[in-house]
Amino acid sequence: MKRIVVIEGDGIGAEVVPQAVRALRAVAPEIELVPAEMGLVSKKKTGNYLPDATMDAIDDSDACLFGAITSPEGDPGYRSPILRLRCELDLYANVRPAKRIVPDIGMVDLDLTLVRENSEGMYTGMEKERGGAVILERKVSDKACRRICRHALDLCEKEQIRRITCVHKANVLRKSDGMFRRIFYEETAGRNVEAMDMLVDTVAAALITKPREFGCIVTLNLYGDILSDEAAALVGGLGMAPSGNIGDHYAVFEPCHGSAPDIAGRGVANPIAAILSASMLLKYLGKQEGARLIENGIEEALRNGVRTPDIGGHHSTKQFGDELVSIIEKE
């Protein structure tokens, strides 16, 4: 039996994750779901942003479904628990699909999977103050470049994606991004995929003007962070954007949006990103049919006009979940 840790987290995480759980139970009732805590609510209840009990549950599970976190104000020692999980579990690949599900939501006809290196780059946190300036150390290693390229290529093979694009800024960052570009072509040699590379600023424009040219993007940390949000906006917003933090031995799946305190508690948050994250989790566990039922159900619910306010509708978070479960149960 597969065991999944479910962490609602803060803000709208407590509203959207339950709808994802309902979808999981509808298509894969055999999975054991273990509730756990993380984030600001956890800090207030247990004294820790990431309690030992949660880490113990994760150690005894196959994957994790997570909601969102609210970063506290006035806590100089705060370290994001999701970043801690990525580091301690070596979740080096951040995978973010961006797909226009129905033609009247979103701006362009995009169907992209972005694979972002999740452990190095600009997000090392190694900053130094010197002579009235702040100096940041950027790390790009051979190991990280190779394994993120291999992960992206394996995903292309599994998902039957025919084109992969390496995104970089090697014209300026000649050594670091130049190494990433070189390793990309070394790793794509002999693979059954069309490989090309583009500068990050060119890609930012091409996602809008030539969206159908992209199948998979593999890139470094900062570029991926920015481009994935752009891609999400193009297909309807962060409420439509799932993600997975994946390593060789574990994975945490989460919606790309934050805790959205401005709408938390109102019951209007879009649960699609969380539900699609649950679908990604099912694929990770090898349960392709359950993932298919969820994704087809989401599309049918949207075509039926059941939509939350962020995508032009008037339905609540729970009403979307009700519609989805009803569709799945009819299959």
C-alpha atoms as a PDB file:
ATOM      1  CA  MET A   1       0.000   0.000   0.000  1.00  0.00           C
ATOM      2  CA  LYS A   2       1.260   3.475  -0.907  1.00  0.00           C
ATOM      3  CA  ARG A   3       1.376   6.039   1.886  1.00  0.00           C
ATOM      4  CA  ILE A   4       1.085   9.776   1.207  1.00  0.00           C
ATOM      5  CA  VAL A   5       1.707  12.565   3.696  1.00  0.00           C
ATOM      6  CA  VAL A   6      -0.842  15.373   3.279  1.00  0.00           C
ATOM      7  CA  ILE A   7       0.115  18.844   4.548  1.00  0.00           C
ATOM      8  CA  GLU A   8      -2.454  21.585   4.097  1.00  0.00           C
ATOM      9  CA  GLY A   9      -0.186  24.345   5.417  1.00  0.00           C
ATOM     10  CA  ASP A  10      -1.382  27.935   5.710  1.00  0.00           C
ATOM     11  CA  GLY A  11      -3.994  30.198   4.131  1.00  0.00           C
ATOM     12  CA  ILE A  12      -5.802  28.742   1.138  1.00  0.00           C
ATOM     13  CA  GLY A  13      -3.756  25.557   1.468  1.00  0.00           C
ATOM     14  CA  ALA A  14      -6.348  24.457   4.025  1.00  0.00           C
ATOM     15  CA  GLU A  15      -9.084  25.051   1.419  1.00  0.00           C
ATOM     16  CA  VAL A  16      -7.608  23.665  -1.808  1.00  0.00           C
ATOM     17  CA  VAL A  17      -5.770  20.596  -0.490  1.00  0.00           C
ATOM     18  CA  PRO A  18      -8.972  18.963   0.849  1.00  0.00           C
ATOM     19  CA  GLN A  19     -10.407  19.104  -2.676  1.00  0.00           C
ATOM     20  CA  ALA A  20      -7.267  17.416  -4.006  1.00  0.00           C
ATOM     21  CA  VAL A  21      -7.645  14.776  -1.307  1.00  0.00           C
ATOM     22  CA  ARG A  22     -11.253  14.164  -2.380  1.00  0.00           C
ATOM     23  CA  ALA A  23     -10.040  13.575  -5.939  1.00  0.00           C
ATOM     24  CA  LEU A  24      -7.330  11.189  -4.740  1.00  0.00           C
ATOM     25  CA  ARG A  25      -9.823   9.203  -2.713  1.00  0.00           C
ATOM     26  CA  ALA A  26     -12.195   9.024  -5.668  1.00  0.00           C
ATOM     27  CA  VAL A  27      -9.632   7.509  -8.044  1.00  0.00           C
ATOM     28  CA  ALA A  28      -7.241   5.702  -5.676  1.00  0.00           C
ATOM     29  CA  PRO A  29      -9.023   4.738  -2.447  1.00  0.00           C
ATOM     30  CA  GLU A  30      -6.307   2.189  -1.683  1.00  0.00           C
ATOM     31  CA  ILE A  31      -3.743   4.924  -0.939  1.00  0.00           C
ATOM     32  CA  GLU A  32      -3.192   5.682   2.746  1.00  0.00           C
ATOM     33  CA  LEU A  33      -3.331   9.418   3.445  1.00  0.00           C
ATOM     34  CA  VAL A  34      -1.468  10.627   6.530  1.00  0.00           C
ATOM     35  CA  PRO A  35      -2.162  14.201   7.733  1.00  0.00           C
ATOM     36  CA  ALA A  36       0.781  16.281   8.970  1.00  0.00           C
ATOM     37  CA  GLU A  37       1.613  19.916   9.745  1.00  0.00           C
ATOM     38  CA  MET A  38       4.018  22.514   8.407  1.00  0.00           C
ATOM     39  CA  GLY A  39       4.127  26.292   8.213  1.00  0.00           C
ATOM     40  CA  LEU A  40       2.939  29.238  10.289  1.00  0.00           C
ATOM     41  CA  VAL A  41      -0.122  27.423  11.656  1.00  0.00           C
ATOM     42  CA  SER A  42       2.171  24.598  12.726  1.00  0.00           C
ATOM     43  CA  LYS A  43       4.509  27.057  14.439  1.00  0.00           C
ATOM     44  CA  LYS A  44       1.635  28.459  16.495  1.00  0.00           C
ATOM     45  CA  LYS A  45       0.405  24.987  17.455  1.00  0.00           C
ATOM     46  CA  THR A  46       3.654  23.085  17.978  1.00  0.00           C
ATOM     47  CA  GLY A  47       6.371  25.706  18.256  1.00  0.00           C
ATOM     48  CA  ASN A  48       7.986  24.527  14.988  1.00  0.00           C
ATOM     49  CA  TYR A  49       7.506  25.411  11.346  1.00  0.00           C
ATOM     50  CA  LEU A  50       8.476  21.838  10.443  1.00  0.00           C
ATOM     51  CA  PRO A  51       7.859  19.517  13.430  1.00  0.00           C
ATOM     52  CA  ASP A  52       9.846  16.332  13.954  1.00  0.00           C
ATOM     53  CA  ALA A  53       6.575  14.386  13.730  1.00  0.00           C
ATOM     54  CA  THR A  54       6.111  15.635  10.179  1.00  0.00           C
ATOM     55  CA  MET A  55       9.632  14.614   9.196  1.00  0.00           C
ATOM     56  CA  ASP A  56       9.026  11.184  10.755  1.00  0.00           C
ATOM     57  CA  ALA A  57       5.833  10.814   8.723  1.00  0.00           C
ATOM     58  CA  ILE A  58       7.662  11.821   5.554  1.00  0.00           C
ATOM     59  CA  ASP A  59      10.426   9.304   6.263  1.00  0.00           C
ATOM     60  CA  ASP A  60       7.761   6.598   6.462  1.00  0.00           C
ATOM     61  CA  SER A  61       5.903   7.540   3.277  1.00  0.00           C
ATOM     62  CA  ASP A  62       6.189   7.352  -0.500  1.00  0.00           C
ATOM     63  CA  ALA A  63       5.479  11.005  -1.346  1.00  0.00           C
ATOM     64  CA  CYS A  64       3.916  14.194  -0.008  1.00  0.00           C
ATOM     65  CA  LEU A  65       1.078  16.482  -1.105  1.00  0.00           C
ATOM     66  CA  PHE A  66       1.520  20.015   0.236  1.00  0.00           C
ATOM     67  CA  GLY A  67      -0.551  23.201   0.124  1.00  0.00           C
ATOM     68  CA  ALA A  68       1.044  26.557   0.901  1.00  0.00           C
ATOM     69  CA  ILE A  69       3.041  28.477   3.493  1.00  0.00           C
ATOM     70  CA  THR A  70       2.756  31.997   4.905  1.00  0.00           C
ATOM     71  CA  SER A  71       6.164  33.520   5.624  1.00  0.00           C
ATOM     72  CA  PRO A  72       6.208  35.166   9.062  1.00  0.00           C
ATOM     73  CA  GLU A  73       7.106  38.793   9.675  1.00  0.00           C
ATOM     74  CA  GLY A  74       9.708  39.738  12.256  1.00  0.00           C
ATOM     75  CA  ASP A  75      11.392  36.341  12.615  1.00  0.00           C
ATOM     76  CA  PRO A  76      15.050  36.837  11.599  1.00  0.00           C
ATOM     77  CA  GLY A  77      15.828  33.158  12.118  1.00  0.00           C
ATOM     78  CA  TYR A  78      13.051  31.929   9.840  1.00  0.00           C
ATOM     79  CA  ARG A  79      13.957  29.378   7.204  1.00  0.00           C
ATOM     80  CA  SER A  80      11.280  28.227   4.804  1.00  0.00           C
ATOM     81  CA  PRO A  81      10.292  24.651   5.691  1.00  0.00           C
ATOM     82  CA  ILE A  82       9.603  23.782   2.049  1.00  0.00           C
ATOM     83  CA  LEU A  83      13.149  24.897   1.162  1.00  0.00           C
ATOM     84  CA  ARG A  84      14.400  22.757   4.029  1.00  0.00           C
ATOM     85  CA  LEU A  85      12.523  19.764   2.631  1.00  0.00           C
ATOM     86  CA  ARG A  86      13.987  20.345  -0.817  1.00  0.00           C
ATOM     87  CA  CYS A  87      17.473  20.460   0.658  1.00  0.00           C
ATOM     88  CA  GLU A  88      17.280  17.588   3.155  1.00  0.00           C
ATOM     89  CA  LEU A  89      15.457  15.244   0.757  1.00  0.00           C
ATOM     90  CA  ASP A  90      17.602  16.344  -2.215  1.00  0.00           C
ATOM     91  CA  LEU A  91      14.586  17.228  -4.336  1.00  0.00           C
ATOM     92  CA  TYR A  92      16.719  18.626  -7.133  1.00  0.00           C
ATOM     93  CA  ALA A  93      14.122  18.734  -9.929  1.00  0.00           C
ATOM     94  CA  ASN A  94      11.260  21.208  -9.844  1.00  0.00           C
ATOM     95  CA  VAL A  95       8.781  20.099 -12.518  1.00  0.00           C
ATOM     96  CA  ARG A  96       6.069  22.572 -13.519  1.00  0.00           C
ATOM     97  CA  PRO A  97       3.597  21.701 -16.290  1.00  0.00           C
ATOM     98  CA  ALA A  98       1.713  24.601 -17.873  1.00  0.00           C
ATOM     99  CA  LYS A  99      -1.171  23.621 -20.130  1.00  0.00           C
ATOM    100  CA  ARG A 100      -4.134  25.535 -21.484  1.00  0.00           C
ATOM    101  CA  ILE A 101      -6.927  23.167 -20.492  1.00  0.00           C
ATOM    102  CA  VAL A 102      -9.844  24.821 -22.329  1.00  0.00           C
ATOM    103  CA  PRO A 103      -9.622  27.429 -25.098  1.00  0.00           C
ATOM    104  CA  ASP A 104     -11.437  30.252 -23.292  1.00  0.00           C
ATOM    105  CA  ILE A 105      -9.114  30.257 -20.253  1.00  0.00           C
ATOM    106  CA  GLY A 106      -5.626  31.654 -20.646  1.00  0.00           C
ATOM    107  CA  MET A 107      -3.992  33.688 -23.379  1.00  0.00           C
ATOM    108  CA  VAL A 108      -2.010  31.295 -25.572  1.00  0.00           C
ATOM    109  CA  ASP A 109      -2.196  27.659 -26.664  1.00  0.00           C
ATOM    110  CA  LEU A 110       0.631  26.408 -24.443  1.00  0.00           C
ATOM    111  CA  ASP A 111       1.385  22.815 -23.439  1.00  0.00           C
ATOM    112  CA  LEU A 112       4.751  22.957 -21.712  1.00  0.00           C
ATOM    113  CA  THR A 113       6.622  21.077 -19.025  1.00  0.00           C
ATOM    114  CA  LEU A 114       9.333  23.159 -17.394  1.00  0.00           C
ATOM    115  CA  VAL A 115      12.084  21.322 -15.507  1.00  0.00           C
ATOM    116  CA  ARG A 116      14.006  23.624 -13.199  1.00  0.00           C
ATOM    117  CA  GLU A 117      17.217  22.854 -11.330  1.00  0.00           C
ATOM    118  CA  ASN A 118      16.170  23.174  -7.696  1.00  0.00           C
ATOM    119  CA  SER A 119      19.326  23.074  -5.583  1.00  0.00           C
ATOM    120  CA  GLU A 120      21.888  25.599  -6.825  1.00  0.00           C
ATOM    121  CA  GLY A 121      22.121  28.702  -8.996  1.00  0.00           C
ATOM    122  CA  MET A 122      21.228  32.071  -7.500  1.00  0.00           C
ATOM    123  CA  TYR A 123      19.363  30.541  -4.557  1.00  0.00           C
ATOM    124  CA  THR A 124      22.374  29.382  -2.593  1.00  0.00           C
ATOM    125  CA  GLY A 125      21.739  32.066   0.039  1.00  0.00           C
ATOM    126  CA  MET A 126      25.478  32.780   0.196  1.00  0.00           C
ATOM    127  CA  GLU A 127      25.444  36.575   0.421  1.00  0.00           C
ATOM    128  CA  LYS A 128      28.229  38.769   1.751  1.00  0.00           C
ATOM    129  CA  GLU A 129      28.351  42.478   2.491  1.00  0.00           C
ATOM    130  CA  ARG A 130      31.528  44.113   1.296  1.00  0.00           C
ATOM    131  CA  GLY A 131      32.405  47.765   0.716  1.00  0.00           C
ATOM    132  CA  GLY A 132      28.852  49.028   0.550  1.00  0.00           C
ATOM    133  CA  ALA A 133      27.763  46.191  -1.739  1.00  0.00           C
ATOM    134  CA  VAL A 134      26.155  42.776  -1.359  1.00  0.00           C
ATOM    135  CA  ILE A 135      27.889  39.944  -3.183  1.00  0.00           C
ATOM    136  CA  LEU A 136      26.005  36.750  -3.972  1.00  0.00           C
ATOM    137  CA  GLU A 137      27.811  33.513  -4.740  1.00  0.00           C
ATOM    138  CA  ARG A 138      26.174  31.625  -7.601  1.00  0.00           C
ATOM    139  CA  LYS A 139      26.852  27.904  -7.841  1.00  0.00           C
ATOM    140  CA  VAL A 140      26.475  25.820 -10.985  1.00  0.00           C
ATOM    141  CA  SER A 141      28.026  22.355 -10.786  1.00  0.00           C
ATOM    142  CA  ASP A 142      28.646  19.591 -13.319  1.00  0.00           C
ATOM    143  CA  LYS A 143      26.688  17.153 -11.129  1.00  0.00           C
ATOM    144  CA  ALA A 144      23.601  19.365 -10.856  1.00  0.00           C
ATOM    145  CA  CYS A 145      23.607  20.174 -14.572  1.00  0.00           C
ATOM    146  CA  ARG A 146      23.884  16.534 -15.600  1.00  0.00           C
ATOM    147  CA  ARG A 147      21.206  15.181 -13.326  1.00  0.00           C
ATOM    148  CA  ILE A 148      18.675  17.890 -14.163  1.00  0.00           C
ATOM    149  CA  CYS A 149      19.250  17.325 -17.886  1.00  0.00           C
ATOM    150  CA  ARG A 150      18.887  13.559 -17.424  1.00  0.00           C
ATOM    151  CA  HIS A 151      15.716  14.035 -15.382  1.00  0.00           C
ATOM    152  CA  ALA A 152      14.231  16.247 -18.099  1.00  0.00           C
ATOM    153  CA  LEU A 153      15.199  13.805 -20.836  1.00  0.00           C
ATOM    154  CA  ASP A 154      13.764  10.835 -18.950  1.00  0.00           C
ATOM    155  CA  LEU A 155      10.540  12.791 -18.471  1.00  0.00           C
ATOM    156  CA  CYS A 156      10.411  13.563 -22.208  1.00  0.00           C
ATOM    157  CA  GLU A 157      10.760   9.875 -22.977  1.00  0.00           C
ATOM    158  CA  LYS A 158       8.084   8.902 -20.452  1.00  0.00           C
ATOM    159  CA  GLU A 159       5.622  11.605 -21.489  1.00  0.00           C
ATOM    160  CA  GLN A 160       6.441  11.276 -25.226  1.00  0.00           C
ATOM    161  CA  ILE A 161       7.572  14.896 -25.501  1.00  0.00           C
ATOM    162  CA  ARG A 162       9.485  15.317 -28.756  1.00  0.00           C
ATOM    163  CA  ARG A 163      11.251  18.660 -28.275  1.00  0.00           C
ATOM    164  CA  ILE A 164      13.440  19.889 -25.409  1.00  0.00           C
ATOM    165  CA  THR A 165      14.914  23.373 -25.067  1.00  0.00           C
ATOM    166  CA  CYS A 166      17.889  24.289 -22.872  1.00  0.00           C
ATOM    167  CA  VAL A 167      17.381  27.826 -21.539  1.00  0.00           C
ATOM    168  CA  HIS A 168      20.442  29.790 -20.439  1.00  0.00           C
ATOM    169  CA  LYS A 169      22.368  33.076 -20.645  1.00  0.00           C
ATOM    170  CA  ALA A 170      25.677  31.673 -21.879  1.00  0.00           C
ATOM    171  CA  ASN A 171      26.367  34.732 -24.020  1.00  0.00           C
ATOM    172  CA  VAL A 172      27.054  36.641 -20.775  1.00  0.00           C
ATOM    173  CA  LEU A 173      27.660  33.973 -18.129  1.00  0.00           C
ATOM    174  CA  ARG A 174      30.114  32.106 -20.307  1.00  0.00           C
ATOM    175  CA  LYS A 175      31.591  29.689 -17.775  1.00  0.00           C
ATOM    176  CA  SER A 176      28.575  28.718 -15.658  1.00  0.00           C
ATOM    177  CA  ASP A 177      25.761  28.825 -18.199  1.00  0.00           C
ATOM    178  CA  GLY A 178      28.233  27.795 -20.863  1.00  0.00           C
ATOM    179  CA  MET A 179      28.914  24.615 -18.899  1.00  0.00           C
ATOM    180  CA  PHE A 180      25.179  23.972 -18.517  1.00  0.00           C
ATOM    181  CA  ARG A 181      24.652  24.344 -22.262  1.00  0.00           C
ATOM    182  CA  ARG A 182      27.592  22.065 -23.078  1.00  0.00           C
ATOM    183  CA  ILE A 183      26.395  19.352 -20.680  1.00  0.00           C
ATOM    184  CA  PHE A 184      22.882  19.592 -22.115  1.00  0.00           C
ATOM    185  CA  TYR A 185      24.142  18.648 -25.563  1.00  0.00           C
ATOM    186  CA  GLU A 186      26.367  15.915 -24.143  1.00  0.00           C
ATOM    187  CA  GLU A 187      23.366  14.373 -22.388  1.00  0.00           C
ATOM    188  CA  THR A 188      20.987  14.716 -25.341  1.00  0.00           C
ATOM    189  CA  ALA A 189      23.393  12.935 -27.696  1.00  0.00           C
ATOM    190  CA  GLY A 190      21.835   9.628 -28.732  1.00  0.00           C
ATOM    191  CA  ARG A 191      18.441  10.473 -27.228  1.00  0.00           C
ATOM    192  CA  ASN A 192      15.335  10.295 -29.382  1.00  0.00           C
ATOM    193  CA  VAL A 193      14.392  13.950 -28.925  1.00  0.00           C
ATOM    194  CA  GLU A 194      14.821  17.203 -30.815  1.00  0.00           C
ATOM    195  CA  ALA A 195      17.270  19.294 -28.765  1.00  0.00           C
ATOM    196  CA  MET A 196      17.837  23.029 -29.043  1.00  0.00           C
ATOM    197  CA  ASP A 197      18.950  25.915 -26.829  1.00  0.00           C
ATOM    198  CA  MET A 198      17.779  29.510 -26.411  1.00  0.00           C
ATOM    199  CA  LEU A 199      18.645  32.565 -24.352  1.00  0.00           C
ATOM    200  CA  VAL A 200      16.297  33.146 -21.428  1.00  0.00           C
ATOM    201  CA  ASP A 201      15.164  36.584 -22.607  1.00  0.00           C
ATOM    202  CA  THR A 202      14.339  35.175 -26.048  1.00  0.00           C
ATOM    203  CA  VAL A 203      12.285  32.421 -24.437  1.00  0.00           C
ATOM    204  CA  ALA A 204      10.365  34.935 -22.311  1.00  0.00           C
ATOM    205  CA  ALA A 205       9.107  36.541 -25.518  1.00  0.00           C
ATOM    206  CA  ALA A 206       8.681  33.300 -27.493  1.00  0.00           C
ATOM    207  CA  LEU A 207       6.374  31.770 -24.870  1.00  0.00           C
ATOM    208  CA  ILE A 208       3.913  34.474 -25.898  1.00  0.00           C
ATOM    209  CA  THR A 209       4.581  34.734 -29.629  1.00  0.00           C
ATOM    210  CA  LYS A 210       5.433  31.099 -30.461  1.00  0.00           C
ATOM    211  CA  PRO A 211       4.048  28.979 -27.595  1.00  0.00           C
ATOM    212  CA  ARG A 212       3.575  25.791 -29.626  1.00  0.00           C
ATOM    213  CA  GLU A 213       7.314  25.580 -30.312  1.00  0.00           C
ATOM    214  CA  PHE A 214       7.959  24.374 -26.760  1.00  0.00           C
ATOM    215  CA  GLY A 215       7.473  20.893 -25.363  1.00  0.00           C
ATOM    216  CA  CYS A 216       9.921  20.728 -22.462  1.00  0.00           C
ATOM    217  CA  ILE A 217      12.211  23.410 -21.083  1.00  0.00           C
ATOM    218  CA  VAL A 218      15.163  22.497 -18.880  1.00  0.00           C
ATOM    219  CA  THR A 219      16.873  25.376 -17.131  1.00  0.00           C
ATOM    220  CA  LEU A 220      18.649  26.663 -14.049  1.00  0.00           C
ATOM    221  CA  ASN A 221      17.022  27.797 -10.829  1.00  0.00           C
ATOM    222  CA  LEU A 222      16.338  31.521 -11.243  1.00  0.00           C
ATOM    223  CA  TYR A 223      15.363  31.313 -14.909  1.00  0.00           C
ATOM    224  CA  GLY A 224      12.974  28.481 -14.168  1.00  0.00           C
ATOM    225  CA  ASP A 225      11.392  30.325 -11.267  1.00  0.00           C
ATOM    226  CA  ILE A 226      10.566  33.303 -13.470  1.00  0.00           C
ATOM    227  CA  LEU A 227       9.597  31.482 -16.667  1.00  0.00           C
ATOM    228  CA  SER A 228       7.302  29.031 -14.861  1.00  0.00           C
ATOM    229  CA  ASP A 229       5.260  31.900 -13.416  1.00  0.00           C
ATOM    230  CA  GLU A 230       5.056  33.480 -16.856  1.00  0.00           C
ATOM    231  CA  ALA A 231       3.867  30.175 -18.300  1.00  0.00           C
ATOM    232  CA  ALA A 232       1.277  29.831 -15.530  1.00  0.00           C
ATOM    233  CA  ALA A 233      -0.064  33.319 -16.263  1.00  0.00           C
ATOM    234  CA  LEU A 234      -0.391  32.433 -19.941  1.00  0.00           C
ATOM    235  CA  VAL A 235      -2.615  29.412 -19.219  1.00  0.00           C
ATOM    236  CA  GLY A 236      -4.922  31.033 -16.668  1.00  0.00           C
ATOM    237  CA  GLY A 237      -2.883  31.976 -13.604  1.00  0.00           C
ATOM    238  CA  LEU A 238      -1.187  30.331 -10.660  1.00  0.00           C
ATOM    239  CA  GLY A 239      -4.463  28.725  -9.652  1.00  0.00           C
ATOM    240  CA  MET A 240      -4.014  26.448 -12.679  1.00  0.00           C
ATOM    241  CA  ALA A 241      -0.337  25.642 -12.065  1.00  0.00           C
ATOM    242  CA  PRO A 242       0.827  22.438 -10.313  1.00  0.00           C
ATOM    243  CA  SER A 243       4.379  21.432  -9.492  1.00  0.00           C
ATOM    244  CA  GLY A 244       6.517  18.625  -8.173  1.00  0.00           C
ATOM    245  CA  ASN A 245       9.787  18.757  -6.237  1.00  0.00           C
ATOM    246  CA  ILE A 246      11.369  15.468  -7.205  1.00  0.00           C
ATOM    247  CA  GLY A 247      14.516  13.630  -6.184  1.00  0.00           C
ATOM    248  CA  ASP A 248      15.865  10.148  -6.720  1.00  0.00           C
ATOM    249  CA  HIS A 249      14.045   8.725  -3.693  1.00  0.00           C
ATOM    250  CA  TYR A 250      11.188  11.068  -2.740  1.00  0.00           C
ATOM    251  CA  ALA A 251       8.904  13.795  -4.089  1.00  0.00           C
ATOM    252  CA  VAL A 252       6.759  16.641  -2.740  1.00  0.00           C
ATOM    253  CA  PHE A 253       3.922  17.918  -4.923  1.00  0.00           C
ATOM    254  CA  GLU A 254       2.395  21.362  -4.438  1.00  0.00           C
ATOM    255  CA  PRO A 255       0.452  24.080  -6.260  1.00  0.00           C
ATOM    256  CA  CYS A 256       2.655  26.919  -7.501  1.00  0.00           C
ATOM    257  CA  HIS A 257       0.575  29.571  -5.750  1.00  0.00           C
ATOM    258  CA  GLY A 258       1.216  30.840  -2.251  1.00  0.00           C
ATOM    259  CA  SER A 259      -1.048  30.995   0.782  1.00  0.00           C
ATOM    260  CA  ALA A 260      -3.004  34.016  -0.590  1.00  0.00           C
ATOM    261  CA  PRO A 261      -3.974  35.540   2.775  1.00  0.00           C
ATOM    262  CA  ASP A 262      -6.099  38.163   0.998  1.00  0.00           C
ATOM    263  CA  ILE A 263      -8.679  35.525  -0.007  1.00  0.00           C
ATOM    264  CA  ALA A 264      -8.043  32.860   2.636  1.00  0.00           C
ATOM    265  CA  GLY A 265     -11.183  31.785   4.478  1.00  0.00           C
ATOM    266  CA  ARG A 266     -13.577  33.007   1.798  1.00  0.00           C
ATOM    267  CA  GLY A 267     -13.920  29.663   0.021  1.00  0.00           C
ATOM    268  CA  VAL A 268     -13.204  31.079  -3.428  1.00  0.00           C
ATOM    269  CA  ALA A 269      -9.647  29.843  -4.059  1.00  0.00           C
ATOM    270  CA  ASN A 270      -9.063  27.872  -7.244  1.00  0.00           C
ATOM    271  CA  PRO A 271      -8.284  24.241  -6.282  1.00  0.00           C
ATOM    272  CA  ILE A 272      -7.174  23.151  -9.767  1.00  0.00           C
ATOM    273  CA  ALA A 273      -3.438  23.662  -9.119  1.00  0.00           C
ATOM    274  CA  ALA A 274      -3.637  21.519  -5.988  1.00  0.00           C
ATOM    275  CA  ILE A 275      -5.735  18.859  -7.736  1.00  0.00           C
ATOM    276  CA  LEU A 276      -3.337  18.729 -10.701  1.00  0.00           C
ATOM    277  CA  SER A 277      -0.477  18.395  -8.212  1.00  0.00           C
ATOM    278  CA  ALA A 278      -2.291  15.337  -6.855  1.00  0.00           C
ATOM    279  CA  SER A 279      -2.509  14.046 -10.428  1.00  0.00           C
ATOM    280  CA  MET A 280       1.260  14.491 -10.795  1.00  0.00           C
ATOM    281  CA  LEU A 281       1.679  12.563  -7.552  1.00  0.00           C
ATOM    282  CA  LEU A 282      -0.357   9.679  -8.954  1.00  0.00           C
ATOM    283  CA  LYS A 283       1.831   9.571 -12.061  1.00  0.00           C
ATOM    284  CA  TYR A 284       4.909   9.520  -9.821  1.00  0.00           C
ATOM    285  CA  LEU A 285       3.432   6.466  -8.069  1.00  0.00           C
ATOM    286  CA  GLY A 286       2.713   4.790 -11.405  1.00  0.00           C
ATOM    287  CA  LYS A 287      -1.063   5.240 -11.166  1.00  0.00           C
ATOM    288  CA  GLN A 288      -1.602   6.644 -14.649  1.00  0.00           C
ATOM    289  CA  GLU A 289      -5.295   5.788 -14.899  1.00  0.00           C
ATOM    290  CA  GLY A 290      -6.162   7.716 -11.746  1.00  0.00           C
ATOM    291  CA  ALA A 291      -4.264  10.728 -13.063  1.00  0.00           C
ATOM    292  CA  ARG A 292      -6.106  10.498 -16.369  1.00  0.00           C
ATOM    293  CA  LEU A 293      -9.492  10.432 -14.628  1.00  0.00           C
ATOM    294  CA  ILE A 294      -8.622  13.535 -12.629  1.00  0.00           C
ATOM    295  CA  GLU A 295      -7.307  15.502 -15.586  1.00  0.00           C
ATOM    296  CA  ASN A 296     -10.240  14.584 -17.818  1.00  0.00           C
ATOM    297  CA  GLY A 297     -12.615  15.445 -14.974  1.00  0.00           C
ATOM    298  CA  ILE A 298     -11.087  18.890 -14.534  1.00  0.00           C
ATOM    299  CA  GLU A 299     -11.470  19.617 -18.237  1.00  0.00           C
ATOM    300  CA  GLU A 300     -15.109  18.466 -18.218  1.00  0.00           C
ATOM    301  CA  ALA A 301     -15.906  20.523 -15.119  1.00  0.00           C
ATOM    302  CA  LEU A 302     -14.473  23.645 -16.776  1.00  0.00           C
ATOM    303  CA  ARG A 303     -16.376  22.975 -19.986  1.00  0.00           C
ATOM    304  CA  ASN A 304     -19.518  22.626 -17.862  1.00  0.00           C
ATOM    305  CA  GLY A 305     -18.912  26.176 -16.654  1.00  0.00           C
ATOM    306  CA  VAL A 306     -17.939  25.311 -13.086  1.00  0.00           C
ATOM    307  CA  ARG A 307     -15.211  27.861 -12.357  1.00  0.00           C
ATOM    308  CA  THR A 308     -13.884  29.880  -9.453  1.00  0.00           C
ATOM    309  CA  PRO A 309     -13.767  33.710  -9.656  1.00  0.00           C
ATOM    310  CA  ASP A 310     -10.103  33.932 -10.724  1.00  0.00           C
ATOM    311  CA  ILE A 311     -10.957  32.261 -14.040  1.00  0.00           C
ATOM    312  CA  GLY A 312     -14.198  34.093 -14.700  1.00  0.00           C
ATOM    313  CA  GLY A 313     -16.669  32.005 -12.712  1.00  0.00           C
ATOM    314  CA  HIS A 314     -18.725  32.322  -9.556  1.00  0.00           C
ATOM    315  CA  HIS A 315     -18.354  28.890  -7.968  1.00  0.00           C
ATOM    316  CA  SER A 316     -16.679  28.152  -4.659  1.00  0.00           C
ATOM    317  CA  THR A 317     -13.643  25.982  -4.013  1.00  0.00           C
ATOM    318  CA  LYS A 318     -15.861  23.200  -2.681  1.00  0.00           C
ATOM    319  CA  GLN A 319     -18.357  23.471  -5.529  1.00  0.00           C
ATOM    320  CA  PHE A 320     -15.585  22.803  -8.007  1.00  0.00           C
ATOM    321  CA  GLY A 321     -14.541  19.797  -5.927  1.00  0.00           C
ATOM    322  CA  ASP A 322     -18.147  18.589  -5.845  1.00  0.00           C
ATOM    323  CA  GLU A 323     -18.409  18.790  -9.637  1.00  0.00           C
ATOM    324  CA  LEU A 324     -15.108  17.018 -10.189  1.00  0.00           C
ATOM    325  CA  VAL A 325     -15.894  14.140  -7.836  1.00  0.00           C
ATOM    326  CA  SER A 326     -19.343  13.776  -9.429  1.00  0.00           C
ATOM    327  CA  ILE A 327     -17.749  13.500 -12.880  1.00  0.00           C
ATOM    328  CA  ILE A 328     -15.155  10.968 -11.695  1.00  0.00           C
ATOM    329  CA  GLU A 329     -17.771   8.803  -9.996  1.00  0.00           C
ATOM    330  CA  LYS A 330     -19.750   8.599 -13.258  1.00  0.00           C
ATOM    331  CA  GLU A 331     -16.764   7.082 -15.120  1.00  0.00           C
END
